Amino acid sequence: MHDGVFFEDHGIPTATIISTEFARAAKAQAEALGATGYRTVMVQHPIQPLTRDEVRALADKVFDEVLARVTA
């Protein structure tokens, strides 16, 4: 969150990707950094037990959103 907020504050578009388990923590951390409207890209939790192909499938689901954010 710190890096994403830092870069956004400096005009560099970001796409911070988190799993759904960390949505509340990410929001709280962004607010603590003064970035109340900061949005993350979320994938389904958990990630750790997934196979490489399953992780790629998660990435494919959010690819367009990530691309849109970093090219905005």
C-alpha atoms as a PDB file:
ATOM      1  CA  MET A   1       0.000   0.000   0.000  1.00  0.00           C
ATOM      2  CA  HIS A   2       2.777   2.420   0.855  1.00  0.00           C
ATOM      3  CA  ASP A   3       4.389   2.073  -2.560  1.00  0.00           C
ATOM      4  CA  GLY A   4       1.114   2.359  -4.430  1.00  0.00           C
ATOM      5  CA  VAL A   5       0.047   5.471  -2.544  1.00  0.00           C
ATOM      6  CA  PHE A   6       3.548   6.976  -2.896  1.00  0.00           C
ATOM      7  CA  PHE A   7       3.635   6.510  -6.660  1.00  0.00           C
ATOM      8  CA  GLU A   8       0.065   7.710  -7.131  1.00  0.00           C
ATOM      9  CA  ASP A   9       0.902  10.817  -5.082  1.00  0.00           C
ATOM     10  CA  HIS A  10       3.750  11.441  -7.532  1.00  0.00           C
ATOM     11  CA  GLY A  11       1.563  11.050 -10.605  1.00  0.00           C
ATOM     12  CA  ILE A  12       2.552   7.498 -11.480  1.00  0.00           C
ATOM     13  CA  PRO A  13      -0.453   5.215 -12.023  1.00  0.00           C
ATOM     14  CA  THR A  14      -0.430   1.998 -10.030  1.00  0.00           C
ATOM     15  CA  ALA A  15      -2.403  -1.201  -9.616  1.00  0.00           C
ATOM     16  CA  THR A  16      -1.906  -2.633  -6.140  1.00  0.00           C
ATOM     17  CA  ILE A  17      -3.138  -6.212  -6.226  1.00  0.00           C
ATOM     18  CA  ILE A  18      -4.411  -7.832  -3.034  1.00  0.00           C
ATOM     19  CA  SER A  19      -6.485 -10.847  -2.152  1.00  0.00           C
ATOM     20  CA  THR A  20      -9.975 -10.346  -0.765  1.00  0.00           C
ATOM     21  CA  GLU A  21      -8.828 -11.309   2.730  1.00  0.00           C
ATOM     22  CA  PHE A  22      -6.863  -8.068   2.971  1.00  0.00           C
ATOM     23  CA  ALA A  23      -9.490  -5.614   1.698  1.00  0.00           C
ATOM     24  CA  ARG A  24     -10.232  -4.066   5.101  1.00  0.00           C
ATOM     25  CA  ALA A  25      -6.555  -3.834   6.049  1.00  0.00           C
ATOM     26  CA  ALA A  26      -5.671  -2.235   2.710  1.00  0.00           C
ATOM     27  CA  LYS A  27      -8.435   0.341   3.073  1.00  0.00           C
ATOM     28  CA  ALA A  28      -7.355   1.187   6.618  1.00  0.00           C
ATOM     29  CA  GLN A  29      -3.734   1.514   5.596  1.00  0.00           C
ATOM     30  CA  ALA A  30      -4.572   3.729   2.609  1.00  0.00           C
ATOM     31  CA  GLU A  31      -6.689   5.963   4.835  1.00  0.00           C
ATOM     32  CA  ALA A  32      -3.869   6.172   7.373  1.00  0.00           C
ATOM     33  CA  LEU A  33      -1.638   7.367   4.534  1.00  0.00           C
ATOM     34  CA  GLY A  34      -4.176  10.046   3.605  1.00  0.00           C
ATOM     35  CA  ALA A  35      -5.368   8.262   0.450  1.00  0.00           C
ATOM     36  CA  THR A  36      -9.033   7.771   1.315  1.00  0.00           C
ATOM     37  CA  GLY A  37     -10.067   7.086  -2.290  1.00  0.00           C
ATOM     38  CA  TYR A  38      -7.238   4.691  -3.117  1.00  0.00           C
ATOM     39  CA  ARG A  39      -8.523   1.597  -4.908  1.00  0.00           C
ATOM     40  CA  THR A  40      -6.912  -1.803  -5.098  1.00  0.00           C
ATOM     41  CA  VAL A  41      -7.343  -4.655  -7.537  1.00  0.00           C
ATOM     42  CA  MET A  42      -8.653  -7.718  -5.718  1.00  0.00           C
ATOM     43  CA  VAL A  43      -8.340 -11.385  -6.482  1.00  0.00           C
ATOM     44  CA  GLN A  44     -10.006 -14.215  -4.607  1.00  0.00           C
ATOM     45  CA  HIS A  45      -8.329 -15.443  -1.427  1.00  0.00           C
ATOM     46  CA  PRO A  46      -6.424 -17.689  -0.751  1.00  0.00           C
ATOM     47  CA  ILE A  47      -3.579 -17.616  -3.260  1.00  0.00           C
ATOM     48  CA  GLN A  48      -0.883 -19.661  -1.532  1.00  0.00           C
ATOM     49  CA  PRO A  49      -2.287 -23.165  -2.193  1.00  0.00           C
ATOM     50  CA  LEU A  50      -3.019 -22.488  -5.868  1.00  0.00           C
ATOM     51  CA  THR A  51      -1.150 -24.080  -8.728  1.00  0.00           C
ATOM     52  CA  ARG A  52       0.755 -21.957 -11.219  1.00  0.00           C
ATOM     53  CA  ASP A  53      -2.100 -22.347 -13.716  1.00  0.00           C
ATOM     54  CA  GLU A  54      -4.683 -21.291 -11.127  1.00  0.00           C
ATOM     55  CA  VAL A  55      -2.667 -18.177 -10.295  1.00  0.00           C
ATOM     56  CA  ARG A  56      -2.436 -17.372 -13.991  1.00  0.00           C
ATOM     57  CA  ALA A  57      -6.215 -17.709 -14.226  1.00  0.00           C
ATOM     58  CA  LEU A  58      -6.609 -15.189 -11.378  1.00  0.00           C
ATOM     59  CA  ALA A  59      -4.222 -12.835 -13.157  1.00  0.00           C
ATOM     60  CA  ASP A  60      -6.158 -13.207 -16.394  1.00  0.00           C
ATOM     61  CA  LYS A  61      -9.357 -12.170 -14.603  1.00  0.00           C
ATOM     62  CA  VAL A  62      -7.888  -8.849 -13.464  1.00  0.00           C
ATOM     63  CA  PHE A  63      -5.562  -8.156 -16.390  1.00  0.00           C
ATOM     64  CA  ASP A  64      -7.824  -5.611 -18.082  1.00  0.00           C
ATOM     65  CA  GLU A  65      -8.358  -3.739 -14.825  1.00  0.00           C
ATOM     66  CA  VAL A  66      -4.626  -3.627 -14.093  1.00  0.00           C
ATOM     67  CA  LEU A  67      -3.847  -2.488 -17.622  1.00  0.00           C
ATOM     68  CA  ALA A  68      -6.474   0.256 -17.445  1.00  0.00           C
ATOM     69  CA  ARG A  69      -5.082   1.570 -14.178  1.00  0.00           C
ATOM     70  CA  VAL A  70      -1.438   1.679 -15.195  1.00  0.00           C
ATOM     71  CA  THR A  71      -2.174   3.283 -18.541  1.00  0.00           C
ATOM     72  CA  ALA A  72      -4.651   5.871 -17.232  1.00  0.00           C
END
